[in-house]
Every structure is written in C-alpha cells, then in structure tokens.
C-alpha cells in the first residue's frame, strides 16, 4: 500500500483527472471512489458520460458535490469525451481514468511528490491487471523513450500503461489533446507526441493504477481492431524522427494480421480468418508466411516434445 507523502495544500500541484464513461454502471462507482478517496487536496475531477442509460447517471449524481464538473450527453466516442474533459481542465498534471479502472490508494500523492522534484515531467508508475478472479499480472514502468514507442517490436525494458502515466496538462493541450479518429491507440499517439517535445519521464517505484479486464471492456471485446490500429497510426506520423523503413511497417502489420487470422480460425470463423490472412499476404508475403509457418512448426514441436 502506498504511503501518503507529507505535503500541505499550498504545495500540492493541481491534478486534473477526467473519467470518460459510457454504459459502465457496474464499475463506475468504484472508479469514482478510488479517485475521491485519495484525499488529495488539489484535485480537479471531471466525469464526461456519453448518455448512459444503465444507472450510471444516478451514480454520478450521488457524488456530484465532490466533482468539479460532470455531464451526460451523446458524444462521438471515448476520444471525444476525453477531449471534452481536457477542455475544462485547469491543472498542472493530467490523466484520464476510464470508468472501469482504478487508482490505487495514495497514487496522487506519489505523483505530486515526483512532480515537485521535477515539474513539467511525465510521471509513470506500476500497473496491476485484474479481472473477476483477482490480479493476474503486475507491470512496472520503464523504457518509455520515443524510439521504444516508434519501434515497439524491438523495445527492451519497455513497460507502460496509460492509467499509470500522468502528463503535463500544458503539453497535452499544446498537442491538441488526443486524436479523435483513433479508437484504441489515442493514448499511444499522445505519448509519442509528448515525447517528441523532449519531456522527461520520471518513474515512481509504486503501483499507481489498476487495469480491469472484463467481457464488456473495449480492449477485450475488440481485440482485432485494437491489435491492428497501432502500425497504421505510427506509419502516418511522418514527422517522428525515428527511422522506420516501409518494409518494416509492412512486416509488422503482416505479423499482426496473421495473429488475428489465427485467432479467428481458432474460434471457427474461417471466413474472417482467410480474409485477414489475405490482407497479411498483401502487406508482406514473406513475413506473413514466416509468421504462419513459424507458429505452426512451434506448436508441432511442443506437441511432440521435439527439442
């Protein structure tokens, strides 16, 4: 459990948290409480709901006197909701905590302590990944360089989760918030843009957030789209000063298309599997065949215990 840093209200940097929400009535109260019960004296907390009809609004109203602002109205998706929240934020430090994720006790005090040591930095800590059965993985933060984000397939010591990464609000506003055309990698894109501004990353030796996995989670429920968005997004960022050849982009996307095809075939969806395999062959025939054959040989070796 994190220990609260000793700090008066006067020296506590203002931390702005936005919770984008839609139809997460089963989880949002725990999320809200994990943020309000931080006991942090200079918190700006904003909830942007997309017009939920599952009891979410009633839960938000229960805590509205503790919120800086909240609204429930139709929006254009999660990225739009985050940007609506950013537009109302006035703090020094920013993060968004999704309506099914949590902050760990004392997390904001750890963030404030790191900020006081180096104002204007990115602050990143550990993350617990959990589901209904409990915590199944813990990940420490590290290796968050522009090169590791841009050439992620060869990154070493790389650990990053958006929920546990707090960023300078001024810089987030300077880059225009998050890209609203991205459904899954808007946080990744934001980090690349921030790192392009030569912002230092400070790692705290503490778990700051908990990432919830459940059947209705966007990340879990749309695995195929999630896996396939990152390479085209990075490829479109022509001003990133990290060299990546076209054939490398083709290879990496082909590998991910093959993996998605394999999962589709594994659940009996032959049509979808063949479609993604065809896309992989179009991207990079050699990489697609190598990925498909390599995985098959590996499974056969394990099955027959060939060393």
C-alpha atoms as a PDB file:
ATOM      1  CA  UNK A   1       0.000   0.000   0.000  1.00  0.00           C
ATOM      2  CA  UNK A   2       1.281   3.444  -0.897  1.00  0.00           C
ATOM      3  CA  UNK A   3       2.203   5.882   1.835  1.00  0.00           C
ATOM      4  CA  UNK A   4       0.881   9.423   1.683  1.00  0.00           C
ATOM      5  CA  UNK A   5       3.619  11.965   1.115  1.00  0.00           C
ATOM      6  CA  UNK A   6       3.820  14.790   3.632  1.00  0.00           C
ATOM      7  CA  UNK A   7       2.614  17.916   1.850  1.00  0.00           C
ATOM      8  CA  UNK A   8       0.416  20.884   2.637  1.00  0.00           C
ATOM      9  CA  UNK A   9      -2.391  22.051   0.362  1.00  0.00           C
ATOM     10  CA  UNK A  10      -0.302  25.061  -0.669  1.00  0.00           C
ATOM     11  CA  UNK A  11       2.498  22.954  -2.178  1.00  0.00           C
ATOM     12  CA  UNK A  12       0.253  20.349  -3.804  1.00  0.00           C
ATOM     13  CA  UNK A  13       0.239  20.713  -7.600  1.00  0.00           C
ATOM     14  CA  UNK A  14      -3.220  20.739  -9.156  1.00  0.00           C
ATOM     15  CA  UNK A  15      -4.053  17.344 -10.630  1.00  0.00           C
ATOM     16  CA  UNK A  16      -6.815  17.118 -13.236  1.00  0.00           C
ATOM     17  CA  UNK A  17      -8.473  13.728 -13.719  1.00  0.00           C
ATOM     18  CA  UNK A  18     -11.085  13.012 -16.401  1.00  0.00           C
ATOM     19  CA  UNK A  19     -13.251   9.899 -16.404  1.00  0.00           C
ATOM     20  CA  UNK A  20     -14.831   9.185 -19.810  1.00  0.00           C
ATOM     21  CA  UNK A  21     -17.826   6.926 -19.358  1.00  0.00           C
ATOM     22  CA  UNK A  22     -20.484   5.064 -21.294  1.00  0.00           C
ATOM     23  CA  UNK A  23     -22.685   2.231 -20.052  1.00  0.00           C
ATOM     24  CA  UNK A  24     -20.330   1.209 -17.226  1.00  0.00           C
ATOM     25  CA  UNK A  25     -22.811   1.439 -14.377  1.00  0.00           C
ATOM     26  CA  UNK A  26     -21.470  -1.757 -12.872  1.00  0.00           C
ATOM     27  CA  UNK A  27     -17.993  -0.306 -12.386  1.00  0.00           C
ATOM     28  CA  UNK A  28     -18.048   3.488 -12.341  1.00  0.00           C
ATOM     29  CA  UNK A  29     -18.837   3.912  -8.635  1.00  0.00           C
ATOM     30  CA  UNK A  30     -15.697   2.018  -7.681  1.00  0.00           C
ATOM     31  CA  UNK A  31     -13.725   4.157 -10.125  1.00  0.00           C
ATOM     32  CA  UNK A  32     -15.100   7.418  -8.717  1.00  0.00           C
ATOM     33  CA  UNK A  33     -14.435   6.347  -5.153  1.00  0.00           C
ATOM     34  CA  UNK A  34     -10.858   5.291  -5.964  1.00  0.00           C
ATOM     35  CA  UNK A  35     -10.203   8.861  -7.092  1.00  0.00           C
ATOM     36  CA  UNK A  36     -12.141  10.830  -4.476  1.00  0.00           C
ATOM     37  CA  UNK A  37     -10.823   8.716  -1.591  1.00  0.00           C
ATOM     38  CA  UNK A  38      -7.255   9.688  -2.488  1.00  0.00           C
ATOM     39  CA  UNK A  39      -7.801  12.553  -0.059  1.00  0.00           C
ATOM     40  CA  UNK A  40      -5.756  14.750  -2.347  1.00  0.00           C
ATOM     41  CA  UNK A  41      -6.344  18.449  -1.547  1.00  0.00           C
ATOM     42  CA  UNK A  42      -5.875  19.964  -5.007  1.00  0.00           C
ATOM     43  CA  UNK A  43      -7.869  17.598  -7.199  1.00  0.00           C
ATOM     44  CA  UNK A  44      -9.905  18.646 -10.211  1.00  0.00           C
ATOM     45  CA  UNK A  45     -12.163  15.724 -11.112  1.00  0.00           C
ATOM     46  CA  UNK A  46     -14.352  15.739 -14.223  1.00  0.00           C
ATOM     47  CA  UNK A  47     -16.706  12.995 -15.441  1.00  0.00           C
ATOM     48  CA  UNK A  48     -17.798  13.005 -19.092  1.00  0.00           C
ATOM     49  CA  UNK A  49     -20.549  10.459 -19.741  1.00  0.00           C
ATOM     50  CA  UNK A  50     -21.818   9.673 -23.214  1.00  0.00           C
ATOM     51  CA  UNK A  51     -25.500   9.485 -22.323  1.00  0.00           C
ATOM     52  CA  UNK A  52     -25.570   6.181 -20.442  1.00  0.00           C
ATOM     53  CA  UNK A  53     -28.919   4.557 -19.663  1.00  0.00           C
ATOM     54  CA  UNK A  54     -27.744   1.855 -17.269  1.00  0.00           C
ATOM     55  CA  UNK A  55     -27.839   3.683 -13.944  1.00  0.00           C
ATOM     56  CA  UNK A  56     -24.527   5.489 -14.474  1.00  0.00           C
ATOM     57  CA  UNK A  57     -26.107   8.942 -14.180  1.00  0.00           C
ATOM     58  CA  UNK A  58     -27.702   8.114 -10.837  1.00  0.00           C
ATOM     59  CA  UNK A  59     -24.305   7.016  -9.522  1.00  0.00           C
ATOM     60  CA  UNK A  60     -22.613  10.196 -10.770  1.00  0.00           C
ATOM     61  CA  UNK A  61     -25.294  12.338  -9.104  1.00  0.00           C
ATOM     62  CA  UNK A  62     -24.575  10.561  -5.843  1.00  0.00           C
ATOM     63  CA  UNK A  63     -21.077  12.063  -5.879  1.00  0.00           C
ATOM     64  CA  UNK A  64     -21.687  15.297  -7.822  1.00  0.00           C
ATOM     65  CA  UNK A  65     -20.919  17.608  -4.891  1.00  0.00           C
ATOM     66  CA  UNK A  66     -17.385  16.218  -4.903  1.00  0.00           C
ATOM     67  CA  UNK A  67     -16.939  16.611  -8.663  1.00  0.00           C
ATOM     68  CA  UNK A  68     -15.573  19.704 -10.385  1.00  0.00           C
ATOM     69  CA  UNK A  69     -17.845  19.118 -13.367  1.00  0.00           C
ATOM     70  CA  UNK A  70     -19.883  16.353 -14.952  1.00  0.00           C
ATOM     71  CA  UNK A  71     -22.158  15.918 -17.937  1.00  0.00           C
ATOM     72  CA  UNK A  72     -24.125  13.082 -19.523  1.00  0.00           C
ATOM     73  CA  UNK A  73     -24.846  13.632 -23.212  1.00  0.00           C
ATOM     74  CA  UNK A  74     -24.209  11.897 -26.502  1.00  0.00           C
ATOM     75  CA  UNK A  75     -20.684  12.244 -27.826  1.00  0.00           C
ATOM     76  CA  UNK A  76     -18.561  10.878 -30.657  1.00  0.00           C
ATOM     77  CA  UNK A  77     -16.809   8.239 -28.568  1.00  0.00           C
ATOM     78  CA  UNK A  78     -14.161   7.883 -25.904  1.00  0.00           C
ATOM     79  CA  UNK A  79     -11.552  10.138 -27.521  1.00  0.00           C
ATOM     80  CA  UNK A  80     -14.105  12.919 -27.975  1.00  0.00           C
ATOM     81  CA  UNK A  81     -15.168  12.544 -24.330  1.00  0.00           C
ATOM     82  CA  UNK A  82     -11.544  12.821 -23.183  1.00  0.00           C
ATOM     83  CA  UNK A  83     -11.051  15.983 -25.231  1.00  0.00           C
ATOM     84  CA  UNK A  84     -14.248  17.479 -23.800  1.00  0.00           C
ATOM     85  CA  UNK A  85     -12.775  16.878 -20.359  1.00  0.00           C
ATOM     86  CA  UNK A  86      -9.360  18.265 -21.296  1.00  0.00           C
ATOM     87  CA  UNK A  87     -11.011  21.480 -22.478  1.00  0.00           C
ATOM     88  CA  UNK A  88     -12.316  22.038 -18.927  1.00  0.00           C
ATOM     89  CA  UNK A  89      -9.114  21.055 -17.102  1.00  0.00           C
ATOM     90  CA  UNK A  90      -7.022  23.756 -15.446  1.00  0.00           C
ATOM     91  CA  UNK A  91      -4.423  21.755 -13.511  1.00  0.00           C
ATOM     92  CA  UNK A  92      -0.702  21.165 -13.755  1.00  0.00           C
ATOM     93  CA  UNK A  93      -0.892  17.388 -14.167  1.00  0.00           C
ATOM     94  CA  UNK A  94      -3.382  15.389 -16.251  1.00  0.00           C
ATOM     95  CA  UNK A  95      -4.592  11.838 -16.686  1.00  0.00           C
ATOM     96  CA  UNK A  96      -7.800  10.092 -17.570  1.00  0.00           C
ATOM     97  CA  UNK A  97      -9.053   7.090 -15.649  1.00  0.00           C
ATOM     98  CA  UNK A  98     -11.607   5.029 -17.537  1.00  0.00           C
ATOM     99  CA  UNK A  99     -14.878   4.184 -15.840  1.00  0.00           C
ATOM    100  CA  UNK A 100     -13.846   0.563 -15.254  1.00  0.00           C
ATOM    101  CA  UNK A 101     -10.295   1.211 -13.998  1.00  0.00           C
ATOM    102  CA  UNK A 102      -8.991   2.357 -10.607  1.00  0.00           C
ATOM    103  CA  UNK A 103      -6.334   4.437  -8.911  1.00  0.00           C
ATOM    104  CA  UNK A 104      -4.520   2.729  -6.058  1.00  0.00           C
ATOM    105  CA  UNK A 105      -4.631   4.359  -2.598  1.00  0.00           C
ATOM    106  CA  UNK A 106      -2.145   7.216  -2.289  1.00  0.00           C
ATOM    107  CA  UNK A 107      -1.355   7.315  -6.019  1.00  0.00           C
ATOM    108  CA  UNK A 108      -1.935  11.052  -6.426  1.00  0.00           C
ATOM    109  CA  UNK A 109       0.374  11.825  -3.504  1.00  0.00           C
ATOM    110  CA  UNK A 110       3.144   9.851  -5.189  1.00  0.00           C
ATOM    111  CA  UNK A 111       2.531  11.728  -8.435  1.00  0.00           C
ATOM    112  CA  UNK A 112       2.617  15.090  -6.625  1.00  0.00           C
ATOM    113  CA  UNK A 113       5.879  14.200  -4.897  1.00  0.00           C
ATOM    114  CA  UNK A 114       7.525  13.298  -8.212  1.00  0.00           C
ATOM    115  CA  UNK A 115       6.213  16.493  -9.832  1.00  0.00           C
ATOM    116  CA  UNK A 116       7.636  18.673  -7.066  1.00  0.00           C
ATOM    117  CA  UNK A 117      11.041  17.087  -7.657  1.00  0.00           C
ATOM    118  CA  UNK A 118      10.853  17.729 -11.410  1.00  0.00           C
ATOM    119  CA  UNK A 119       7.949  19.955 -12.555  1.00  0.00           C
ATOM    120  CA  UNK A 120       6.818  19.530 -16.137  1.00  0.00           C
ATOM    121  CA  UNK A 121       7.788  15.872 -16.448  1.00  0.00           C
ATOM    122  CA  UNK A 122       5.833  12.752 -17.360  1.00  0.00           C
ATOM    123  CA  UNK A 123       5.301  10.578 -14.275  1.00  0.00           C
ATOM    124  CA  UNK A 124       4.829   6.847 -14.730  1.00  0.00           C
ATOM    125  CA  UNK A 125       4.367   4.032 -12.225  1.00  0.00           C
ATOM    126  CA  UNK A 126       3.369   0.415 -11.967  1.00  0.00           C
ATOM    127  CA  UNK A 127       0.070  -1.154 -13.002  1.00  0.00           C
ATOM    128  CA  UNK A 128      -1.952  -4.104 -11.738  1.00  0.00           C
ATOM    129  CA  UNK A 129      -4.000  -6.004 -14.311  1.00  0.00           C
ATOM    130  CA  UNK A 130      -7.016  -7.730 -12.790  1.00  0.00           C
ATOM    131  CA  UNK A 131     -10.285  -9.463 -13.554  1.00  0.00           C
ATOM    132  CA  UNK A 132     -13.036 -11.154 -11.554  1.00  0.00           C
ATOM    133  CA  UNK A 133     -10.574 -13.724 -10.225  1.00  0.00           C
ATOM    134  CA  UNK A 134      -8.101 -11.108  -8.965  1.00  0.00           C
ATOM    135  CA  UNK A 135      -4.763  -9.654 -10.053  1.00  0.00           C
ATOM    136  CA  UNK A 136      -3.153 -11.739 -12.803  1.00  0.00           C
ATOM    137  CA  UNK A 137      -0.235  -9.522 -13.795  1.00  0.00           C
ATOM    138  CA  UNK A 138       1.804  -6.629 -12.399  1.00  0.00           C
ATOM    139  CA  UNK A 139       3.879  -4.436 -14.669  1.00  0.00           C
ATOM    140  CA  UNK A 140       6.486  -1.871 -13.721  1.00  0.00           C
ATOM    141  CA  UNK A 141       7.079   1.275 -15.765  1.00  0.00           C
ATOM    142  CA  UNK A 142      10.256   1.718 -17.760  1.00  0.00           C
ATOM    143  CA  UNK A 143      11.851   2.267 -21.137  1.00  0.00           C
ATOM    144  CA  UNK A 144       9.417   4.969 -22.240  1.00  0.00           C
ATOM    145  CA  UNK A 145      11.558   6.517 -24.951  1.00  0.00           C
ATOM    146  CA  UNK A 146      10.483   7.844 -28.310  1.00  0.00           C
ATOM    147  CA  UNK A 147      12.415   5.074 -30.034  1.00  0.00           C
ATOM    148  CA  UNK A 148      10.733   2.336 -27.996  1.00  0.00           C
ATOM    149  CA  UNK A 149       7.297   3.719 -28.809  1.00  0.00           C
ATOM    150  CA  UNK A 150       8.093   4.158 -32.519  1.00  0.00           C
ATOM    151  CA  UNK A 151       9.936   0.828 -32.954  1.00  0.00           C
ATOM    152  CA  UNK A 152       7.966  -1.112 -30.363  1.00  0.00           C
ATOM    153  CA  UNK A 153       8.794  -4.549 -31.791  1.00  0.00           C
ATOM    154  CA  UNK A 154      12.422  -4.247 -30.709  1.00  0.00           C
ATOM    155  CA  UNK A 155      11.897  -2.313 -27.455  1.00  0.00           C
ATOM    156  CA  UNK A 156      13.690  -3.638 -24.373  1.00  0.00           C
ATOM    157  CA  UNK A 157      12.671  -2.997 -20.783  1.00  0.00           C
ATOM    158  CA  UNK A 158       9.511  -1.299 -22.023  1.00  0.00           C
ATOM    159  CA  UNK A 159       6.652  -1.012 -19.547  1.00  0.00           C
ATOM    160  CA  UNK A 160       3.808   1.443 -19.989  1.00  0.00           C
ATOM    161  CA  UNK A 161       0.105   1.746 -19.229  1.00  0.00           C
ATOM    162  CA  UNK A 162      -1.950   4.881 -19.777  1.00  0.00           C
ATOM    163  CA  UNK A 163      -3.781   4.550 -16.453  1.00  0.00           C
ATOM    164  CA  UNK A 164      -0.491   4.828 -14.547  1.00  0.00           C
ATOM    165  CA  UNK A 165       1.006   7.657 -16.602  1.00  0.00           C
ATOM    166  CA  UNK A 166       0.435  11.282 -15.581  1.00  0.00           C
ATOM    167  CA  UNK A 167       1.394  14.017 -18.030  1.00  0.00           C
ATOM    168  CA  UNK A 168       1.772  17.818 -18.085  1.00  0.00           C
ATOM    169  CA  UNK A 169      -1.607  19.342 -18.941  1.00  0.00           C
ATOM    170  CA  UNK A 170       0.003  22.310 -20.697  1.00  0.00           C
ATOM    171  CA  UNK A 171       1.713  19.998 -23.178  1.00  0.00           C
ATOM    172  CA  UNK A 172      -1.388  17.855 -23.681  1.00  0.00           C
ATOM    173  CA  UNK A 173      -3.302  20.985 -24.668  1.00  0.00           C
ATOM    174  CA  UNK A 174      -0.398  22.124 -26.872  1.00  0.00           C
ATOM    175  CA  UNK A 175      -0.631  18.941 -28.979  1.00  0.00           C
ATOM    176  CA  UNK A 176      -4.411  19.296 -29.278  1.00  0.00           C
ATOM    177  CA  UNK A 177      -5.438  16.597 -26.816  1.00  0.00           C
ATOM    178  CA  UNK A 178      -5.985  13.101 -28.211  1.00  0.00           C
ATOM    179  CA  UNK A 179      -6.735  12.135 -31.796  1.00  0.00           C
ATOM    180  CA  UNK A 180     -10.464  11.568 -32.077  1.00  0.00           C
ATOM    181  CA  UNK A 181     -10.212   9.323 -35.148  1.00  0.00           C
ATOM    182  CA  UNK A 182      -8.351   6.732 -33.050  1.00  0.00           C
ATOM    183  CA  UNK A 183     -10.489   4.349 -31.013  1.00  0.00           C
ATOM    184  CA  UNK A 184      -7.793   2.314 -29.289  1.00  0.00           C
ATOM    185  CA  UNK A 185      -4.354   3.943 -29.689  1.00  0.00           C
ATOM    186  CA  UNK A 186      -5.141   7.571 -28.850  1.00  0.00           C
ATOM    187  CA  UNK A 187      -3.121   7.207 -25.629  1.00  0.00           C
ATOM    188  CA  UNK A 188      -0.159   5.726 -27.519  1.00  0.00           C
ATOM    189  CA  UNK A 189      -0.319   8.527 -30.074  1.00  0.00           C
ATOM    190  CA  UNK A 190      -0.436  11.103 -27.266  1.00  0.00           C
ATOM    191  CA  UNK A 191       2.710   9.661 -25.689  1.00  0.00           C
ATOM    192  CA  UNK A 192       4.613   9.777 -28.978  1.00  0.00           C
ATOM    193  CA  UNK A 193       3.639  13.423 -29.453  1.00  0.00           C
ATOM    194  CA  UNK A 194       4.618  14.317 -25.892  1.00  0.00           C
ATOM    195  CA  UNK A 195       7.972  12.542 -26.155  1.00  0.00           C
ATOM    196  CA  UNK A 196       8.635  14.462 -29.364  1.00  0.00           C
ATOM    197  CA  UNK A 197       8.562  17.577 -27.171  1.00  0.00           C
ATOM    198  CA  UNK A 198      11.580  16.229 -25.212  1.00  0.00           C
ATOM    199  CA  UNK A 199       9.630  15.859 -21.976  1.00  0.00           C
ATOM    200  CA  UNK A 200      11.488  13.833 -19.356  1.00  0.00           C
ATOM    201  CA  UNK A 201       9.900  10.686 -17.922  1.00  0.00           C
ATOM    202  CA  UNK A 202      10.146  10.035 -14.182  1.00  0.00           C
ATOM    203  CA  UNK A 203       9.424   6.522 -12.905  1.00  0.00           C
ATOM    204  CA  UNK A 204       7.989   6.039  -9.437  1.00  0.00           C
ATOM    205  CA  UNK A 205       8.554   2.813  -7.555  1.00  0.00           C
ATOM    206  CA  UNK A 206       4.880   2.329  -6.752  1.00  0.00           C
ATOM    207  CA  UNK A 207       1.746   0.891  -8.323  1.00  0.00           C
ATOM    208  CA  UNK A 208      -0.445   3.814  -9.349  1.00  0.00           C
ATOM    209  CA  UNK A 209      -3.425   2.230 -11.110  1.00  0.00           C
ATOM    210  CA  UNK A 210      -5.367  -0.955 -11.757  1.00  0.00           C
ATOM    211  CA  UNK A 211      -6.442  -2.005 -15.262  1.00  0.00           C
ATOM    212  CA  UNK A 212      -9.646  -4.043 -15.249  1.00  0.00           C
ATOM    213  CA  UNK A 213     -10.245  -6.826 -17.789  1.00  0.00           C
ATOM    214  CA  UNK A 214     -13.857  -7.865 -18.347  1.00  0.00           C
ATOM    215  CA  UNK A 215     -16.025  -9.125 -21.191  1.00  0.00           C
ATOM    216  CA  UNK A 216     -17.505  -5.689 -21.989  1.00  0.00           C
ATOM    217  CA  UNK A 217     -14.159  -3.873 -21.952  1.00  0.00           C
ATOM    218  CA  UNK A 218     -13.375  -2.164 -25.241  1.00  0.00           C
ATOM    219  CA  UNK A 219      -9.836  -3.547 -25.197  1.00  0.00           C
ATOM    220  CA  UNK A 220     -11.021  -7.112 -24.578  1.00  0.00           C
ATOM    221  CA  UNK A 221     -14.152  -7.028 -26.727  1.00  0.00           C
ATOM    222  CA  UNK A 222     -12.476  -5.688 -29.871  1.00  0.00           C
ATOM    223  CA  UNK A 223      -9.087  -7.389 -29.824  1.00  0.00           C
ATOM    224  CA  UNK A 224      -8.743  -7.489 -33.610  1.00  0.00           C
ATOM    225  CA  UNK A 225      -9.243  -3.758 -34.127  1.00  0.00           C
ATOM    226  CA  UNK A 226      -7.038  -2.966 -31.131  1.00  0.00           C
ATOM    227  CA  UNK A 227      -4.133  -5.007 -32.479  1.00  0.00           C
ATOM    228  CA  UNK A 228      -4.356  -3.574 -35.977  1.00  0.00           C
ATOM    229  CA  UNK A 229      -4.618   0.166 -35.280  1.00  0.00           C
ATOM    230  CA  UNK A 230      -1.132   0.866 -33.929  1.00  0.00           C
ATOM    231  CA  UNK A 231       1.020   0.290 -37.029  1.00  0.00           C
ATOM    232  CA  UNK A 232      -1.065   2.458 -39.415  1.00  0.00           C
ATOM    233  CA  UNK A 233      -1.223   5.157 -36.752  1.00  0.00           C
ATOM    234  CA  UNK A 234       2.557   5.240 -36.314  1.00  0.00           C
ATOM    235  CA  UNK A 235       3.105   4.989 -40.044  1.00  0.00           C
ATOM    236  CA  UNK A 236       1.039   8.124 -40.582  1.00  0.00           C
ATOM    237  CA  UNK A 237       3.243  10.146 -38.200  1.00  0.00           C
ATOM    238  CA  UNK A 238       5.761  11.271 -40.793  1.00  0.00           C
ATOM    239  CA  UNK A 239       7.447  13.834 -38.539  1.00  0.00           C
ATOM    240  CA  UNK A 240       8.660  11.357 -35.899  1.00  0.00           C
ATOM    241  CA  UNK A 241      12.492  11.461 -36.068  1.00  0.00           C
ATOM    242  CA  UNK A 242      12.913   7.684 -35.761  1.00  0.00           C
ATOM    243  CA  UNK A 243      13.765   5.816 -38.943  1.00  0.00           C
ATOM    244  CA  UNK A 244      11.384   3.011 -39.907  1.00  0.00           C
ATOM    245  CA  UNK A 245      11.519   1.582 -43.422  1.00  0.00           C
ATOM    246  CA  UNK A 246       8.358   0.809 -45.382  1.00  0.00           C
ATOM    247  CA  UNK A 247       9.188  -2.880 -45.442  1.00  0.00           C
ATOM    248  CA  UNK A 248       9.405  -2.870 -41.635  1.00  0.00           C
ATOM    249  CA  UNK A 249       5.904  -1.398 -41.345  1.00  0.00           C
ATOM    250  CA  UNK A 250       4.650  -3.988 -43.864  1.00  0.00           C
ATOM    251  CA  UNK A 251       6.300  -6.795 -41.920  1.00  0.00           C
ATOM    252  CA  UNK A 252       4.938  -5.734 -38.529  1.00  0.00           C
ATOM    253  CA  UNK A 253       1.390  -5.268 -39.791  1.00  0.00           C
ATOM    254  CA  UNK A 254       1.518  -8.599 -41.625  1.00  0.00           C
ATOM    255  CA  UNK A 255       2.556 -10.345 -38.403  1.00  0.00           C
ATOM    256  CA  UNK A 256      -0.397  -8.842 -36.564  1.00  0.00           C
ATOM    257  CA  UNK A 257      -2.812  -9.698 -39.368  1.00  0.00           C
ATOM    258  CA  UNK A 258      -1.649 -13.318 -39.255  1.00  0.00           C
ATOM    259  CA  UNK A 259      -2.168 -13.407 -35.498  1.00  0.00           C
ATOM    260  CA  UNK A 260      -5.689 -12.023 -35.856  1.00  0.00           C
ATOM    261  CA  UNK A 261      -6.386 -14.555 -38.630  1.00  0.00           C
ATOM    262  CA  UNK A 262      -5.164 -17.367 -36.398  1.00  0.00           C
ATOM    263  CA  UNK A 263      -7.483 -16.339 -33.578  1.00  0.00           C
ATOM    264  CA  UNK A 264     -10.436 -16.170 -35.975  1.00  0.00           C
ATOM    265  CA  UNK A 265      -9.689 -19.643 -37.346  1.00  0.00           C
ATOM    266  CA  UNK A 266      -9.259 -20.943 -33.808  1.00  0.00           C
ATOM    267  CA  UNK A 267     -12.816 -19.932 -32.932  1.00  0.00           C
ATOM    268  CA  UNK A 268     -14.142 -21.482 -36.143  1.00  0.00           C
ATOM    269  CA  UNK A 269     -14.604 -18.251 -38.119  1.00  0.00           C
ATOM    270  CA  UNK A 270     -12.976 -19.448 -41.332  1.00  0.00           C
ATOM    271  CA  UNK A 271     -14.240 -16.595 -43.496  1.00  0.00           C
ATOM    272  CA  UNK A 272     -12.760 -13.916 -41.220  1.00  0.00           C
ATOM    273  CA  UNK A 273      -9.551 -15.881 -40.777  1.00  0.00           C
ATOM    274  CA  UNK A 274      -8.987 -16.196 -44.522  1.00  0.00           C
ATOM    275  CA  UNK A 275      -9.806 -12.513 -45.030  1.00  0.00           C
ATOM    276  CA  UNK A 276      -7.151 -11.387 -42.564  1.00  0.00           C
ATOM    277  CA  UNK A 277      -4.627 -13.881 -43.939  1.00  0.00           C
ATOM    278  CA  UNK A 278      -5.177 -12.457 -47.421  1.00  0.00           C
ATOM    279  CA  UNK A 279      -4.579  -8.959 -46.044  1.00  0.00           C
ATOM    280  CA  UNK A 280      -1.372 -10.184 -44.404  1.00  0.00           C
ATOM    281  CA  UNK A 281      -0.103 -11.620 -47.679  1.00  0.00           C
ATOM    282  CA  UNK A 282      -0.813  -8.297 -49.396  1.00  0.00           C
ATOM    283  CA  UNK A 283       1.177  -6.405 -46.764  1.00  0.00           C
ATOM    284  CA  UNK A 284       4.213  -8.698 -46.810  1.00  0.00           C
ATOM    285  CA  UNK A 285       4.050 -12.209 -48.306  1.00  0.00           C
ATOM    286  CA  UNK A 286       7.367 -13.282 -46.775  1.00  0.00           C
ATOM    287  CA  UNK A 287       6.558 -12.006 -43.284  1.00  0.00           C
ATOM    288  CA  UNK A 288       3.052 -13.485 -43.404  1.00  0.00           C
ATOM    289  CA  UNK A 289       4.259 -16.933 -44.449  1.00  0.00           C
ATOM    290  CA  UNK A 290       7.127 -16.876 -41.970  1.00  0.00           C
ATOM    291  CA  UNK A 291       4.798 -15.916 -39.129  1.00  0.00           C
ATOM    292  CA  UNK A 292       2.181 -18.520 -40.084  1.00  0.00           C
ATOM    293  CA  UNK A 293       4.655 -21.349 -40.662  1.00  0.00           C
ATOM    294  CA  UNK A 294       6.846 -20.473 -37.688  1.00  0.00           C
ATOM    295  CA  UNK A 295       3.959 -20.619 -35.251  1.00  0.00           C
ATOM    296  CA  UNK A 296       2.722 -23.896 -36.763  1.00  0.00           C
ATOM    297  CA  UNK A 297       6.144 -25.543 -36.502  1.00  0.00           C
ATOM    298  CA  UNK A 298       6.467 -24.291 -32.936  1.00  0.00           C
ATOM    299  CA  UNK A 299       3.154 -25.863 -31.951  1.00  0.00           C
ATOM    300  CA  UNK A 300       4.098 -29.168 -33.578  1.00  0.00           C
ATOM    301  CA  UNK A 301       7.424 -29.211 -31.766  1.00  0.00           C
ATOM    302  CA  UNK A 302       5.750 -28.599 -28.428  1.00  0.00           C
ATOM    303  CA  UNK A 303       3.087 -31.190 -29.150  1.00  0.00           C
ATOM    304  CA  UNK A 304       5.646 -33.881 -29.972  1.00  0.00           C
ATOM    305  CA  UNK A 305       8.179 -32.658 -27.420  1.00  0.00           C
ATOM    306  CA  UNK A 306      10.859 -32.117 -30.004  1.00  0.00           C
ATOM    307  CA  UNK A 307      13.794 -30.223 -28.515  1.00  0.00           C
END
